[in-house]
């Protein structure tokens, strides 16, 4: 592992999922902000597929991958996803190797 990857807060999660209703999902997502913060989420970006805006990408930075896994795999969050109309989530847990600006 590189020096960059071993630094604190260089853990990321990429989630790609479909939502039945973006407005409903977004409200539930916003309502969960405090529990996400308490679980270790530091910052996030939301992106939508250009051709299919019900495919949402949630890219977030976490205090650790262990914290992210514990949160995303918790029964509480599984229920929140169900209520939010999330279908077929795909979770990718990532360690940062490098970052740069061009």
PDB file of N, CA and C in Angstrom:
ATOM      1  N   UNK A   1       0.848  -1.183   0.000  1.00  0.00           N
ATOM      2  CA  UNK A   1       0.000   0.000   0.000  1.00  0.00           C
ATOM      3  C   UNK A   1       0.889   1.240   0.000  1.00  0.00           C
ATOM      4  N   UNK A   2       0.500   2.230  -0.777  1.00  0.00           N
ATOM      5  CA  UNK A   2       1.311   3.432  -0.864  1.00  0.00           C
ATOM      6  C   UNK A   2       1.132   4.289   0.373  1.00  0.00           C
ATOM      7  N   UNK A   3       2.031   5.247   0.517  1.00  0.00           N
ATOM      8  CA  UNK A   3       1.949   6.177   1.648  1.00  0.00           C
ATOM      9  C   UNK A   3       0.622   6.925   1.631  1.00  0.00           C
ATOM     10  N   UNK A   4       0.165   7.352   0.451  1.00  0.00           N
ATOM     11  CA  UNK A   4      -1.091   8.094   0.328  1.00  0.00           C
ATOM     12  C   UNK A   4      -2.266   7.254   0.839  1.00  0.00           C
ATOM     13  N   UNK A   5      -2.304   5.970   0.473  1.00  0.00           N
ATOM     14  CA  UNK A   5      -3.425   5.116   0.846  1.00  0.00           C
ATOM     15  C   UNK A   5      -3.468   4.858   2.343  1.00  0.00           C
ATOM     16  N   UNK A   6      -2.338   4.917   3.028  1.00  0.00           N
ATOM     17  CA  UNK A   6      -2.318   4.614   4.447  1.00  0.00           C
ATOM     18  C   UNK A   6      -2.652   5.824   5.313  1.00  0.00           C
ATOM     19  N   UNK A   7      -2.787   7.015   4.728  1.00  0.00           N
ATOM     20  CA  UNK A   7      -3.121   8.202   5.493  1.00  0.00           C
ATOM     21  C   UNK A   7      -4.583   8.148   5.934  1.00  0.00           C
ATOM     22  N   UNK A   8      -4.899   8.769   7.076  1.00  0.00           N
ATOM     23  CA  UNK A   8      -6.282   8.769   7.542  1.00  0.00           C
ATOM     24  C   UNK A   8      -7.214   9.447   6.545  1.00  0.00           C
ATOM     25  N   UNK A   9      -8.431   8.979   6.496  1.00  0.00           N
ATOM     26  CA  UNK A   9      -9.508   9.574   5.700  1.00  0.00           C
ATOM     27  C   UNK A   9      -9.291   9.456   4.199  1.00  0.00           C
ATOM     28  N   UNK A  10      -8.572   8.429   3.766  1.00  0.00           N
ATOM     29  CA  UNK A  10      -8.402   8.175   2.343  1.00  0.00           C
ATOM     30  C   UNK A  10      -9.157   6.910   1.946  1.00  0.00           C
ATOM     31  N   UNK A  11     -10.300   6.714   2.610  1.00  0.00           N
ATOM     32  CA  UNK A  11     -11.172   5.582   2.333  1.00  0.00           C
ATOM     33  C   UNK A  11     -12.419   6.109   1.653  1.00  0.00           C
ATOM     34  N   UNK A  12     -12.790   5.473   0.555  1.00  0.00           N
ATOM     35  CA  UNK A  12     -13.912   5.935  -0.246  1.00  0.00           C
ATOM     36  C   UNK A  12     -14.864   4.791  -0.542  1.00  0.00           C
ATOM     37  N   UNK A  13     -16.114   5.154  -0.765  1.00  0.00           N
ATOM     38  CA  UNK A  13     -17.111   4.173  -1.183  1.00  0.00           C
ATOM     39  C   UNK A  13     -17.814   4.723  -2.416  1.00  0.00           C
ATOM     40  N   UNK A  14     -17.923   3.871  -3.407  1.00  0.00           N
ATOM     41  CA  UNK A  14     -18.651   4.188  -4.627  1.00  0.00           C
ATOM     42  C   UNK A  14     -19.882   3.296  -4.645  1.00  0.00           C
ATOM     43  N   UNK A  15     -21.053   3.912  -4.664  1.00  0.00           N
ATOM     44  CA  UNK A  15     -22.303   3.158  -4.692  1.00  0.00           C
ATOM     45  C   UNK A  15     -23.038   3.543  -5.969  1.00  0.00           C
ATOM     46  N   UNK A  16     -23.419   2.548  -6.714  1.00  0.00           N
ATOM     47  CA  UNK A  16     -24.229   2.768  -7.909  1.00  0.00           C
ATOM     48  C   UNK A  16     -25.533   2.007  -7.682  1.00  0.00           C
ATOM     49  N   UNK A  17     -26.636   2.737  -7.746  1.00  0.00           N
ATOM     50  CA  UNK A  17     -27.922   2.085  -7.538  1.00  0.00           C
ATOM     51  C   UNK A  17     -29.032   2.801  -8.286  1.00  0.00           C
ATOM     52  N   UNK A  18     -30.096   2.079  -8.516  1.00  0.00           N
ATOM     53  CA  UNK A  18     -31.275   2.659  -9.129  1.00  0.00           C
ATOM     54  C   UNK A  18     -32.252   3.040  -8.029  1.00  0.00           C
ATOM     55  N   UNK A  19     -32.939   4.138  -8.247  1.00  0.00           N
ATOM     56  CA  UNK A  19     -33.967   4.584  -7.300  1.00  0.00           C
ATOM     57  C   UNK A  19     -35.291   4.695  -8.045  1.00  0.00           C
ATOM     58  N   UNK A  20     -36.360   4.308  -7.372  1.00  0.00           N
ATOM     59  CA  UNK A  20     -37.681   4.345  -7.995  1.00  0.00           C
ATOM     60  C   UNK A  20     -38.136   5.786  -8.224  1.00  0.00           C
ATOM     61  N   UNK A  21     -37.823   6.658  -7.267  1.00  0.00           N
ATOM     62  CA  UNK A  21     -38.282   8.052  -7.317  1.00  0.00           C
ATOM     63  C   UNK A  21     -37.168   8.902  -6.710  1.00  0.00           C
ATOM     64  N   UNK A  22     -36.471   9.677  -7.536  1.00  0.00           N
ATOM     65  CA  UNK A  22     -35.314  10.431  -7.046  1.00  0.00           C
ATOM     66  C   UNK A  22     -35.690  11.396  -5.924  1.00  0.00           C
ATOM     67  N   UNK A  23     -36.790  12.131  -6.075  1.00  0.00           N
ATOM     68  CA  UNK A  23     -37.175  13.123  -5.052  1.00  0.00           C
ATOM     69  C   UNK A  23     -37.404  12.448  -3.703  1.00  0.00           C
ATOM     70  N   UNK A  24     -38.080  11.306  -3.702  1.00  0.00           N
ATOM     71  CA  UNK A  24     -38.315  10.571  -2.445  1.00  0.00           C
ATOM     72  C   UNK A  24     -36.985  10.080  -1.873  1.00  0.00           C
ATOM     73  N   UNK A  25     -36.154   9.492  -2.734  1.00  0.00           N
ATOM     74  CA  UNK A  25     -34.851   9.002  -2.288  1.00  0.00           C
ATOM     75  C   UNK A  25     -34.023  10.133  -1.700  1.00  0.00           C
ATOM     76  N   UNK A  26     -33.997  11.282  -2.371  1.00  0.00           N
ATOM     77  CA  UNK A  26     -33.166  12.416  -1.933  1.00  0.00           C
ATOM     78  C   UNK A  26     -33.609  12.924  -0.568  1.00  0.00           C
ATOM     79  N   UNK A  27     -34.913  12.968  -0.323  1.00  0.00           N
ATOM     80  CA  UNK A  27     -35.415  13.393   0.992  1.00  0.00           C
ATOM     81  C   UNK A  27     -34.924  12.454   2.084  1.00  0.00           C
ATOM     82  N   UNK A  28     -35.018  11.166   1.846  1.00  0.00           N
ATOM     83  CA  UNK A  28     -34.560  10.179   2.836  1.00  0.00           C
ATOM     84  C   UNK A  28     -33.046  10.258   2.998  1.00  0.00           C
ATOM     85  N   UNK A  29     -32.317  10.448   1.902  1.00  0.00           N
ATOM     86  CA  UNK A  29     -30.863  10.611   1.941  1.00  0.00           C
ATOM     87  C   UNK A  29     -30.489  11.811   2.821  1.00  0.00           C
ATOM     88  N   UNK A  30     -31.147  12.934   2.601  1.00  0.00           N
ATOM     89  CA  UNK A  30     -30.873  14.138   3.396  1.00  0.00           C
ATOM     90  C   UNK A  30     -31.234  13.935   4.864  1.00  0.00           C
ATOM     91  N   UNK A  31     -32.347  13.252   5.128  1.00  0.00           N
ATOM     92  CA  UNK A  31     -32.758  12.994   6.514  1.00  0.00           C
ATOM     93  C   UNK A  31     -31.751  12.115   7.245  1.00  0.00           C
ATOM     94  N   UNK A  32     -30.984  11.317   6.515  1.00  0.00           N
ATOM     95  CA  UNK A  32     -29.996  10.416   7.114  1.00  0.00           C
ATOM     96  C   UNK A  32     -28.616  11.060   7.253  1.00  0.00           C
ATOM     97  N   UNK A  33     -28.497  12.342   6.967  1.00  0.00           N
ATOM     98  CA  UNK A  33     -27.189  13.003   6.992  1.00  0.00           C
ATOM     99  C   UNK A  33     -26.490  12.855   8.345  1.00  0.00           C
ATOM    100  N   UNK A  34     -27.209  13.033   9.413  1.00  0.00           N
ATOM    101  CA  UNK A  34     -26.582  12.959  10.738  1.00  0.00           C
ATOM    102  C   UNK A  34     -26.110  11.542  11.061  1.00  0.00           C
ATOM    103  N   UNK A  35     -26.901  10.533  10.722  1.00  0.00           N
ATOM    104  CA  UNK A  35     -26.431   9.170  11.014  1.00  0.00           C
ATOM    105  C   UNK A  35     -25.264   8.792  10.106  1.00  0.00           C
ATOM    106  N   UNK A  36     -25.239   9.329   8.883  1.00  0.00           N
ATOM    107  CA  UNK A  36     -24.082   9.094   8.011  1.00  0.00           C
ATOM    108  C   UNK A  36     -22.834   9.742   8.611  1.00  0.00           C
ATOM    109  N   UNK A  37     -22.973  10.977   9.082  1.00  0.00           N
ATOM    110  CA  UNK A  37     -21.839  11.680   9.692  1.00  0.00           C
ATOM    111  C   UNK A  37     -21.343  10.928  10.923  1.00  0.00           C
ATOM    112  N   UNK A  38     -22.260  10.511  11.787  1.00  0.00           N
ATOM    113  CA  UNK A  38     -21.876   9.782  12.997  1.00  0.00           C
ATOM    114  C   UNK A  38     -21.208   8.442  12.669  1.00  0.00           C
ATOM    115  N   UNK A  39     -21.606   7.842  11.553  1.00  0.00           N
ATOM    116  CA  UNK A  39     -21.027   6.559  11.158  1.00  0.00           C
ATOM    117  C   UNK A  39     -19.631   6.709  10.561  1.00  0.00           C
ATOM    118  N   UNK A  40     -19.277   7.931  10.123  1.00  0.00           N
ATOM    119  CA  UNK A  40     -17.929   8.153   9.600  1.00  0.00           C
ATOM    120  C   UNK A  40     -17.852   8.735   8.213  1.00  0.00           C
ATOM    121  N   UNK A  41     -18.989   9.065   7.614  1.00  0.00           N
ATOM    122  CA  UNK A  41     -18.928   9.707   6.297  1.00  0.00           C
ATOM    123  C   UNK A  41     -18.449  11.139   6.475  1.00  0.00           C
ATOM    124  N   UNK A  42     -17.473  11.539   5.679  1.00  0.00           N
ATOM    125  CA  UNK A  42     -16.863  12.865   5.796  1.00  0.00           C
ATOM    126  C   UNK A  42     -17.404  13.813   4.744  1.00  0.00           C
ATOM    127  N   UNK A  43     -17.483  13.332   3.521  1.00  0.00           N
ATOM    128  CA  UNK A  43     -18.006  14.150   2.429  1.00  0.00           C
ATOM    129  C   UNK A  43     -18.548  13.226   1.354  1.00  0.00           C
ATOM    130  N   UNK A  44     -19.370  13.806   0.472  1.00  0.00           N
ATOM    131  CA  UNK A  44     -19.980  12.978  -0.565  1.00  0.00           C
ATOM    132  C   UNK A  44     -20.227  13.798  -1.827  1.00  0.00           C
ATOM    133  N   UNK A  45     -20.452  13.064  -2.892  1.00  0.00           N
ATOM    134  CA  UNK A  45     -20.910  13.626  -4.162  1.00  0.00           C
ATOM    135  C   UNK A  45     -22.047  12.741  -4.649  1.00  0.00           C
ATOM    136  N   UNK A  46     -23.050  13.350  -5.236  1.00  0.00           N
ATOM    137  CA  UNK A  46     -24.120  12.601  -5.887  1.00  0.00           C
ATOM    138  C   UNK A  46     -24.044  12.898  -7.372  1.00  0.00           C
ATOM    139  N   UNK A  47     -24.146  11.842  -8.155  1.00  0.00           N
ATOM    140  CA  UNK A  47     -24.106  11.977  -9.609  1.00  0.00           C
ATOM    141  C   UNK A  47     -25.239  11.141 -10.191  1.00  0.00           C
ATOM    142  N   UNK A  48     -25.730  11.547 -11.351  1.00  0.00           N
ATOM    143  CA  UNK A  48     -26.768  10.784 -12.033  1.00  0.00           C
ATOM    144  C   UNK A  48     -26.264  10.375 -13.401  1.00  0.00           C
ATOM    145  N   UNK A  49     -26.661   9.204 -13.806  1.00  0.00           N
ATOM    146  CA  UNK A  49     -26.354   8.714 -15.143  1.00  0.00           C
ATOM    147  C   UNK A  49     -26.974   9.666 -16.161  1.00  0.00           C
ATOM    148  N   UNK A  50     -26.185  10.116 -17.110  1.00  0.00           N
ATOM    149  CA  UNK A  50     -26.655  11.075 -18.113  1.00  0.00           C
ATOM    150  C   UNK A  50     -27.874  10.562 -18.885  1.00  0.00           C
ATOM    151  N   UNK A  51     -27.884   9.283 -19.209  1.00  0.00           N
ATOM    152  CA  UNK A  51     -28.962   8.723 -20.014  1.00  0.00           C
ATOM    153  C   UNK A  51     -30.125   8.187 -19.187  1.00  0.00           C
ATOM    154  N   UNK A  52     -29.901   7.993 -17.881  1.00  0.00           N
ATOM    155  CA  UNK A  52     -30.936   7.364 -17.040  1.00  0.00           C
ATOM    156  C   UNK A  52     -30.809   7.945 -15.639  1.00  0.00           C
ATOM    157  N   UNK A  53     -31.527   9.042 -15.380  1.00  0.00           N
ATOM    158  CA  UNK A  53     -31.307   9.778 -14.132  1.00  0.00           C
ATOM    159  C   UNK A  53     -31.811   9.069 -12.886  1.00  0.00           C
ATOM    160  N   UNK A  54     -32.437   7.909 -13.022  1.00  0.00           N
ATOM    161  CA  UNK A  54     -32.804   7.116 -11.841  1.00  0.00           C
ATOM    162  C   UNK A  54     -31.646   6.215 -11.404  1.00  0.00           C
ATOM    163  N   UNK A  55     -30.543   6.223 -12.149  1.00  0.00           N
ATOM    164  CA  UNK A  55     -29.331   5.513 -11.727  1.00  0.00           C
ATOM    165  C   UNK A  55     -28.454   6.555 -11.048  1.00  0.00           C
ATOM    166  N   UNK A  56     -28.343   6.432  -9.741  1.00  0.00           N
ATOM    167  CA  UNK A  56     -27.643   7.416  -8.919  1.00  0.00           C
ATOM    168  C   UNK A  56     -26.307   6.843  -8.465  1.00  0.00           C
ATOM    169  N   UNK A  57     -25.294   7.690  -8.503  1.00  0.00           N
ATOM    170  CA  UNK A  57     -23.976   7.334  -7.995  1.00  0.00           C
ATOM    171  C   UNK A  57     -23.726   8.183  -6.758  1.00  0.00           C
ATOM    172  N   UNK A  58     -23.420   7.516  -5.665  1.00  0.00           N
ATOM    173  CA  UNK A  58     -23.081   8.180  -4.394  1.00  0.00           C
ATOM    174  C   UNK A  58     -21.614   7.850  -4.142  1.00  0.00           C
ATOM    175  N   UNK A  59     -20.772   8.863  -4.217  1.00  0.00           N
ATOM    176  CA  UNK A  59     -19.336   8.703  -3.992  1.00  0.00           C
ATOM    177  C   UNK A  59     -18.999   9.455  -2.716  1.00  0.00           C
ATOM    178  N   UNK A  60     -18.415   8.753  -1.741  1.00  0.00           N
ATOM    179  CA  UNK A  60     -18.199   9.393  -0.446  1.00  0.00           C
ATOM    180  C   UNK A  60     -16.858   9.018   0.158  1.00  0.00           C
ATOM    181  N   UNK A  61     -16.357   9.930   0.992  1.00  0.00           N
ATOM    182  CA  UNK A  61     -15.103   9.720   1.735  1.00  0.00           C
ATOM    183  C   UNK A  61     -15.474   9.400   3.172  1.00  0.00           C
ATOM    184  N   UNK A  62     -14.763   8.427   3.757  1.00  0.00           N
ATOM    185  CA  UNK A  62     -15.078   7.910   5.085  1.00  0.00           C
ATOM    186  C   UNK A  62     -13.850   7.930   5.991  1.00  0.00           C
ATOM    187  N   UNK A  63     -14.111   7.855   7.280  1.00  0.00           N
ATOM    188  CA  UNK A  63     -13.013   7.767   8.240  1.00  0.00           C
ATOM    189  C   UNK A  63     -12.244   6.463   8.077  1.00  0.00           C
ATOM    190  N   UNK A  64     -12.942   5.398   7.653  1.00  0.00           N
ATOM    191  CA  UNK A  64     -12.295   4.111   7.387  1.00  0.00           C
ATOM    192  C   UNK A  64     -13.246   3.235   6.578  1.00  0.00           C
ATOM    193  N   UNK A  65     -12.688   2.257   5.903  1.00  0.00           N
ATOM    194  CA  UNK A  65     -13.537   1.322   5.178  1.00  0.00           C
ATOM    195  C   UNK A  65     -14.328   0.449   6.140  1.00  0.00           C
ATOM    196  N   UNK A  66     -13.754   0.143   7.293  1.00  0.00           N
ATOM    197  CA  UNK A  66     -14.482  -0.652   8.288  1.00  0.00           C
ATOM    198  C   UNK A  66     -15.736   0.088   8.749  1.00  0.00           C
ATOM    199  N   UNK A  67     -15.614   1.394   8.980  1.00  0.00           N
ATOM    200  CA  UNK A  67     -16.776   2.187   9.391  1.00  0.00           C
ATOM    201  C   UNK A  67     -17.821   2.217   8.287  1.00  0.00           C
ATOM    202  N   UNK A  68     -17.383   2.373   7.053  1.00  0.00           N
ATOM    203  CA  UNK A  68     -18.314   2.408   5.923  1.00  0.00           C
ATOM    204  C   UNK A  68     -19.041   1.080   5.773  1.00  0.00           C
ATOM    205  N   UNK A  69     -18.310  -0.015   5.831  1.00  0.00           N
ATOM    206  CA  UNK A  69     -18.936  -1.346   5.710  1.00  0.00           C
ATOM    207  C   UNK A  69     -19.940  -1.579   6.831  1.00  0.00           C
ATOM    208  N   UNK A  70     -19.558  -1.243   8.046  1.00  0.00           N
ATOM    209  CA  UNK A  70     -20.463  -1.439   9.181  1.00  0.00           C
ATOM    210  C   UNK A  70     -21.759  -0.663   8.971  1.00  0.00           C
ATOM    211  N   UNK A  71     -21.645   0.536   8.449  1.00  0.00           N
ATOM    212  CA  UNK A  71     -22.824   1.361   8.211  1.00  0.00           C
ATOM    213  C   UNK A  71     -23.681   0.804   7.074  1.00  0.00           C
ATOM    214  N   UNK A  72     -23.072   0.584   5.926  1.00  0.00           N
ATOM    215  CA  UNK A  72     -23.840   0.170   4.752  1.00  0.00           C
ATOM    216  C   UNK A  72     -24.435  -1.229   4.888  1.00  0.00           C
ATOM    217  N   UNK A  73     -23.832  -2.069   5.702  1.00  0.00           N
ATOM    218  CA  UNK A  73     -24.329  -3.432   5.879  1.00  0.00           C
ATOM    219  C   UNK A  73     -25.220  -3.574   7.109  1.00  0.00           C
ATOM    220  N   UNK A  74     -25.477  -2.478   7.810  1.00  0.00           N
ATOM    221  CA  UNK A  74     -26.302  -2.534   9.019  1.00  0.00           C
ATOM    222  C   UNK A  74     -27.769  -2.756   8.678  1.00  0.00           C
ATOM    223  N   UNK A  75     -28.497  -3.465   9.532  1.00  0.00           N
ATOM    224  CA  UNK A  75     -29.930  -3.669   9.312  1.00  0.00           C
ATOM    225  C   UNK A  75     -30.687  -2.335   9.193  1.00  0.00           C
ATOM    226  N   UNK A  76     -30.264  -1.337   9.957  1.00  0.00           N
ATOM    227  CA  UNK A  76     -30.917  -0.026   9.910  1.00  0.00           C
ATOM    228  C   UNK A  76     -30.821   0.566   8.505  1.00  0.00           C
ATOM    229  N   UNK A  77     -29.644   0.507   7.902  1.00  0.00           N
ATOM    230  CA  UNK A  77     -29.492   1.107   6.580  1.00  0.00           C
ATOM    231  C   UNK A  77     -30.152   0.264   5.498  1.00  0.00           C
ATOM    232  N   UNK A  78     -30.153  -1.032   5.664  1.00  0.00           N
ATOM    233  CA  UNK A  78     -30.862  -1.886   4.703  1.00  0.00           C
ATOM    234  C   UNK A  78     -32.342  -1.504   4.672  1.00  0.00           C
ATOM    235  N   UNK A  79     -32.924  -1.245   5.831  1.00  0.00           N
ATOM    236  CA  UNK A  79     -34.327  -0.822   5.908  1.00  0.00           C
ATOM    237  C   UNK A  79     -34.511   0.576   5.305  1.00  0.00           C
ATOM    238  N   UNK A  80     -33.588   1.483   5.566  1.00  0.00           N
ATOM    239  CA  UNK A  80     -33.674   2.834   4.994  1.00  0.00           C
ATOM    240  C   UNK A  80     -33.631   2.750   3.458  1.00  0.00           C
ATOM    241  N   UNK A  81     -32.743   1.914   2.919  1.00  0.00           N
ATOM    242  CA  UNK A  81     -32.682   1.756   1.465  1.00  0.00           C
ATOM    243  C   UNK A  81     -33.997   1.208   0.914  1.00  0.00           C
ATOM    244  N   UNK A  82     -34.581   0.253   1.618  1.00  0.00           N
ATOM    245  CA  UNK A  82     -35.857  -0.316   1.181  1.00  0.00           C
ATOM    246  C   UNK A  82     -36.927   0.770   1.151  1.00  0.00           C
ATOM    247  N   UNK A  83     -37.018   1.573   2.215  1.00  0.00           N
ATOM    248  CA  UNK A  83     -38.011   2.649   2.291  1.00  0.00           C
ATOM    249  C   UNK A  83     -37.769   3.697   1.207  1.00  0.00           C
ATOM    250  N   UNK A  84     -36.518   3.901   0.836  1.00  0.00           N
ATOM    251  CA  UNK A  84     -36.168   4.925  -0.149  1.00  0.00           C
ATOM    252  C   UNK A  84     -36.358   4.445  -1.592  1.00  0.00           C
ATOM    253  N   UNK A  85     -36.700   3.178  -1.773  1.00  0.00           N
ATOM    254  CA  UNK A  85     -36.917   2.669  -3.116  1.00  0.00           C
ATOM    255  C   UNK A  85     -35.649   2.362  -3.877  1.00  0.00           C
ATOM    256  N   UNK A  86     -34.589   2.012  -3.162  1.00  0.00           N
ATOM    257  CA  UNK A  86     -33.309   1.675  -3.799  1.00  0.00           C
ATOM    258  C   UNK A  86     -33.384   0.255  -4.345  1.00  0.00           C
ATOM    259  N   UNK A  87     -32.944   0.097  -5.592  1.00  0.00           N
ATOM    260  CA  UNK A  87     -32.898  -1.221  -6.227  1.00  0.00           C
ATOM    261  C   UNK A  87     -31.462  -1.534  -6.626  1.00  0.00           C
ATOM    262  N   UNK A  88     -31.059  -2.746  -6.379  1.00  0.00           N
ATOM    263  CA  UNK A  88     -29.789  -3.302  -6.863  1.00  0.00           C
ATOM    264  C   UNK A  88     -28.567  -2.437  -6.559  1.00  0.00           C
ATOM    265  N   UNK A  89     -28.319  -2.120  -5.285  1.00  0.00           N
ATOM    266  CA  UNK A  89     -27.122  -1.321  -4.996  1.00  0.00           C
ATOM    267  C   UNK A  89     -25.841  -2.128  -5.216  1.00  0.00           C
ATOM    268  N   UNK A  90     -24.847  -1.463  -5.750  1.00  0.00           N
ATOM    269  CA  UNK A  90     -23.530  -2.049  -5.954  1.00  0.00           C
ATOM    270  C   UNK A  90     -22.536  -1.204  -5.173  1.00  0.00           C
ATOM    271  N   UNK A  91     -21.887  -1.800  -4.178  1.00  0.00           N
ATOM    272  CA  UNK A  91     -20.943  -1.101  -3.316  1.00  0.00           C
ATOM    273  C   UNK A  91     -19.524  -1.465  -3.715  1.00  0.00           C
ATOM    274  N   UNK A  92     -18.684  -0.444  -3.885  1.00  0.00           N
ATOM    275  CA  UNK A  92     -17.271  -0.656  -4.168  1.00  0.00           C
ATOM    276  C   UNK A  92     -16.490   0.130  -3.113  1.00  0.00           C
ATOM    277  N   UNK A  93     -15.712  -0.583  -2.308  1.00  0.00           N
ATOM    278  CA  UNK A  93     -14.924   0.027  -1.237  1.00  0.00           C
ATOM    279  C   UNK A  93     -13.513   0.273  -1.763  1.00  0.00           C
ATOM    280  N   UNK A  94     -13.028   1.519  -1.624  1.00  0.00           N
ATOM    281  CA  UNK A  94     -11.797   1.940  -2.277  1.00  0.00           C
ATOM    282  C   UNK A  94     -10.826   2.621  -1.319  1.00  0.00           C
ATOM    283  N   UNK A  95      -9.543   2.352  -1.500  1.00  0.00           N
ATOM    284  CA  UNK A  95      -8.476   3.092  -0.835  1.00  0.00           C
ATOM    285  C   UNK A  95      -7.831   4.006  -1.872  1.00  0.00           C
ATOM    286  N   UNK A  96      -7.629   5.241  -1.520  1.00  0.00           N
ATOM    287  CA  UNK A  96      -7.025   6.202  -2.439  1.00  0.00           C
ATOM    288  C   UNK A  96      -5.543   5.877  -2.609  1.00  0.00           C
ATOM    289  N   UNK A  97      -5.104   5.820  -3.848  1.00  0.00           N
ATOM    290  CA  UNK A  97      -3.685   5.647  -4.147  1.00  0.00           C
ATOM    291  C   UNK A  97      -3.014   6.990  -4.389  1.00  0.00           C
ATOM    292  N   UNK A  98      -3.688   7.849  -5.118  1.00  0.00           N
ATOM    293  CA  UNK A  98      -3.163   9.174  -5.450  1.00  0.00           C
ATOM    294  C   UNK A  98      -4.318  10.128  -5.667  1.00  0.00           C
ATOM    295  N   UNK A  99      -4.014  11.397  -5.611  1.00  0.00           N
ATOM    296  CA  UNK A  99      -4.970  12.438  -5.980  1.00  0.00           C
ATOM    297  C   UNK A  99      -4.178  13.572  -6.600  1.00  0.00           C
ATOM    298  N   UNK A 100      -4.815  14.278  -7.495  1.00  0.00           N
ATOM    299  CA  UNK A 100      -4.122  15.380  -8.128  1.00  0.00           C
ATOM    300  C   UNK A 100      -5.112  16.316  -8.800  1.00  0.00           C
ATOM    301  N   UNK A 101      -4.629  17.455  -9.170  1.00  0.00           N
ATOM    302  CA  UNK A 101      -5.412  18.438  -9.895  1.00  0.00           C
ATOM    303  C   UNK A 101      -4.611  18.842 -11.114  1.00  0.00           C
ATOM    304  N   UNK A 102      -5.271  18.880 -12.243  1.00  0.00           N
ATOM    305  CA  UNK A 102      -4.592  19.257 -13.481  1.00  0.00           C
ATOM    306  C   UNK A 102      -5.104  20.590 -13.980  1.00  0.00           C
TER     307      UNK A 102
END
